[in-house]
Amino acid sequence: MKTNLYFAAFLLLVSVSFISCSTLNLDSLQIATAKEIGNTKTEDVNIYDIDRGATAVHWKAKSPSGCYECDADLEGKTVKSVRNVNCVNVECDSLGREK
């Protein structure tokens, strides 16, 4: 009986941890990237290769103006937004993929 209780508690902890880690959404990265790049609509930014750490997030983005590698600090306890965004333009191939 104790084993089942411990297992249930473990599953609950894992579920809550997963939900809290996934609160950073794609929209917030698209908005942050479009603002950092400038002269770009949010919907024109494609985000991929997201690497979220405990205090920062790194991602790659493609827009009509080129390819970018970006990073930012995670903001707040719920980590729904980013701050100190930095995007660096990187070279793309003819298909718009980073070289």
C-alpha atoms as a PDB file:
ATOM      1  CA  MET A   1       0.000   0.000   0.000  1.00  0.00           C
ATOM      2  CA  LYS A   2       2.837   2.418   0.869  1.00  0.00           C
ATOM      3  CA  THR A   3       4.494   1.662  -2.469  1.00  0.00           C
ATOM      4  CA  ASN A   4       1.347   2.697  -4.360  1.00  0.00           C
ATOM      5  CA  LEU A   5       1.114   5.912  -2.323  1.00  0.00           C
ATOM      6  CA  TYR A   6       4.767   6.771  -3.011  1.00  0.00           C
ATOM      7  CA  PHE A   7       4.307   6.021  -6.700  1.00  0.00           C
ATOM      8  CA  ALA A   8       1.210   8.242  -6.892  1.00  0.00           C
ATOM      9  CA  ALA A   9       3.063  11.068  -5.116  1.00  0.00           C
ATOM     10  CA  PHE A  10       5.982  10.674  -7.523  1.00  0.00           C
ATOM     11  CA  LEU A  11       3.687  10.845 -10.565  1.00  0.00           C
ATOM     12  CA  LEU A  12       2.014  13.961  -9.203  1.00  0.00           C
ATOM     13  CA  LEU A  13       5.391  15.647  -8.629  1.00  0.00           C
ATOM     14  CA  VAL A  14       6.596  14.778 -12.127  1.00  0.00           C
ATOM     15  CA  SER A  15       3.348  16.056 -13.680  1.00  0.00           C
ATOM     16  CA  VAL A  16       3.499  19.370 -11.826  1.00  0.00           C
ATOM     17  CA  SER A  17       7.180  19.802 -12.724  1.00  0.00           C
ATOM     18  CA  PHE A  18       6.484  19.125 -16.387  1.00  0.00           C
ATOM     19  CA  ILE A  19       3.602  21.587 -16.510  1.00  0.00           C
ATOM     20  CA  SER A  20       5.623  24.339 -14.807  1.00  0.00           C
ATOM     21  CA  CYS A  21       8.582  23.803 -17.142  1.00  0.00           C
ATOM     22  CA  SER A  22       6.415  24.101 -20.211  1.00  0.00           C
ATOM     23  CA  THR A  23       4.857  27.465 -19.348  1.00  0.00           C
ATOM     24  CA  LEU A  24       7.256  29.282 -21.676  1.00  0.00           C
ATOM     25  CA  ASN A  25       5.301  29.245 -24.896  1.00  0.00           C
ATOM     26  CA  LEU A  26       6.263  29.626 -28.512  1.00  0.00           C
ATOM     27  CA  ASP A  27       4.303  32.881 -28.850  1.00  0.00           C
ATOM     28  CA  SER A  28       6.454  34.656 -26.270  1.00  0.00           C
ATOM     29  CA  LEU A  29       9.632  33.628 -28.133  1.00  0.00           C
ATOM     30  CA  GLN A  30       8.164  34.749 -31.467  1.00  0.00           C
ATOM     31  CA  ILE A  31       7.205  38.138 -30.012  1.00  0.00           C
ATOM     32  CA  ALA A  32      10.603  38.597 -28.347  1.00  0.00           C
ATOM     33  CA  THR A  33      12.443  37.620 -31.535  1.00  0.00           C
ATOM     34  CA  ALA A  34      10.384  39.922 -33.767  1.00  0.00           C
ATOM     35  CA  LYS A  35      11.026  42.852 -31.401  1.00  0.00           C
ATOM     36  CA  GLU A  36      14.753  42.115 -31.248  1.00  0.00           C
ATOM     37  CA  ILE A  37      15.126  41.741 -35.029  1.00  0.00           C
ATOM     38  CA  GLY A  38      12.963  44.777 -35.769  1.00  0.00           C
ATOM     39  CA  ASN A  39      10.743  45.450 -38.800  1.00  0.00           C
ATOM     40  CA  THR A  40       9.382  41.906 -38.599  1.00  0.00           C
ATOM     41  CA  LYS A  41       5.853  40.653 -37.948  1.00  0.00           C
ATOM     42  CA  THR A  42       5.537  38.134 -35.141  1.00  0.00           C
ATOM     43  CA  GLU A  43       3.754  35.659 -37.403  1.00  0.00           C
ATOM     44  CA  ASP A  44       6.684  35.771 -39.869  1.00  0.00           C
ATOM     45  CA  VAL A  45       9.101  34.381 -37.257  1.00  0.00           C
ATOM     46  CA  ASN A  46       9.600  30.605 -37.111  1.00  0.00           C
ATOM     47  CA  ILE A  47      11.123  29.347 -33.861  1.00  0.00           C
ATOM     48  CA  TYR A  48      12.949  26.012 -33.581  1.00  0.00           C
ATOM     49  CA  ASP A  49      15.638  24.186 -31.604  1.00  0.00           C
ATOM     50  CA  ILE A  50      14.564  25.562 -28.205  1.00  0.00           C
ATOM     51  CA  ASP A  51      16.900  24.769 -25.307  1.00  0.00           C
ATOM     52  CA  ARG A  52      15.407  25.852 -21.994  1.00  0.00           C
ATOM     53  CA  GLY A  53      17.620  25.935 -18.921  1.00  0.00           C
ATOM     54  CA  ALA A  54      16.877  26.875 -15.316  1.00  0.00           C
ATOM     55  CA  THR A  55      17.527  30.600 -15.780  1.00  0.00           C
ATOM     56  CA  ALA A  56      17.903  31.114 -19.533  1.00  0.00           C
ATOM     57  CA  VAL A  57      16.595  29.927 -22.864  1.00  0.00           C
ATOM     58  CA  HIS A  58      18.353  29.568 -26.239  1.00  0.00           C
ATOM     59  CA  TRP A  59      16.616  29.129 -29.588  1.00  0.00           C
ATOM     60  CA  LYS A  60      16.998  29.528 -33.322  1.00  0.00           C
ATOM     61  CA  ALA A  61      14.707  31.570 -35.503  1.00  0.00           C
ATOM     62  CA  LYS A  62      14.028  32.089 -39.191  1.00  0.00           C
ATOM     63  CA  SER A  63      12.396  35.208 -40.574  1.00  0.00           C
ATOM     64  CA  PRO A  64      12.171  36.824 -44.015  1.00  0.00           C
ATOM     65  CA  SER A  65      15.259  38.847 -43.067  1.00  0.00           C
ATOM     66  CA  GLY A  66      17.388  35.778 -42.278  1.00  0.00           C
ATOM     67  CA  CYS A  67      18.345  33.201 -39.674  1.00  0.00           C
ATOM     68  CA  TYR A  68      19.107  34.031 -36.049  1.00  0.00           C
ATOM     69  CA  GLU A  69      20.488  32.430 -32.921  1.00  0.00           C
ATOM     70  CA  CYS A  70      18.849  33.939 -29.858  1.00  0.00           C
ATOM     71  CA  ASP A  71      19.096  33.742 -26.103  1.00  0.00           C
ATOM     72  CA  ALA A  72      17.352  35.401 -23.187  1.00  0.00           C
ATOM     73  CA  ASP A  73      16.951  35.281 -19.436  1.00  0.00           C
ATOM     74  CA  LEU A  74      13.794  33.692 -18.075  1.00  0.00           C
ATOM     75  CA  GLU A  75      11.641  36.149 -16.153  1.00  0.00           C
ATOM     76  CA  GLY A  76       9.518  35.509 -13.088  1.00  0.00           C
ATOM     77  CA  LYS A  77       8.642  32.433 -11.108  1.00  0.00           C
ATOM     78  CA  THR A  78       6.143  31.222 -13.688  1.00  0.00           C
ATOM     79  CA  VAL A  79       8.636  31.746 -16.529  1.00  0.00           C
ATOM     80  CA  LYS A  80       6.043  32.928 -19.010  1.00  0.00           C
ATOM     81  CA  SER A  81       8.236  35.624 -20.522  1.00  0.00           C
ATOM     82  CA  VAL A  82      11.832  36.454 -21.330  1.00  0.00           C
ATOM     83  CA  ARG A  83      14.056  39.494 -20.843  1.00  0.00           C
ATOM     84  CA  ASN A  84      17.468  40.626 -22.047  1.00  0.00           C
ATOM     85  CA  VAL A  85      16.843  39.103 -25.466  1.00  0.00           C
ATOM     86  CA  ASN A  86      19.819  38.893 -27.798  1.00  0.00           C
ATOM     87  CA  CYS A  87      19.570  37.638 -31.391  1.00  0.00           C
ATOM     88  CA  VAL A  88      22.555  37.294 -33.703  1.00  0.00           C
ATOM     89  CA  ASN A  89      22.124  37.041 -37.464  1.00  0.00           C
ATOM     90  CA  VAL A  90      23.717  33.850 -38.806  1.00  0.00           C
ATOM     91  CA  GLU A  91      24.257  32.695 -42.374  1.00  0.00           C
ATOM     92  CA  CYS A  92      21.476  30.674 -44.052  1.00  0.00           C
ATOM     93  CA  ASP A  93      21.599  28.375 -47.056  1.00  0.00           C
ATOM     94  CA  SER A  94      19.315  28.805 -50.075  1.00  0.00           C
ATOM     95  CA  LEU A  95      16.501  26.926 -48.286  1.00  0.00           C
ATOM     96  CA  GLY A  96      16.667  29.243 -45.306  1.00  0.00           C
ATOM     97  CA  ARG A  97      18.420  26.750 -43.052  1.00  0.00           C
ATOM     98  CA  GLU A  98      21.313  27.757 -40.854  1.00  0.00           C
ATOM     99  CA  LYS A  99      24.721  26.761 -42.270  1.00  0.00           C
END
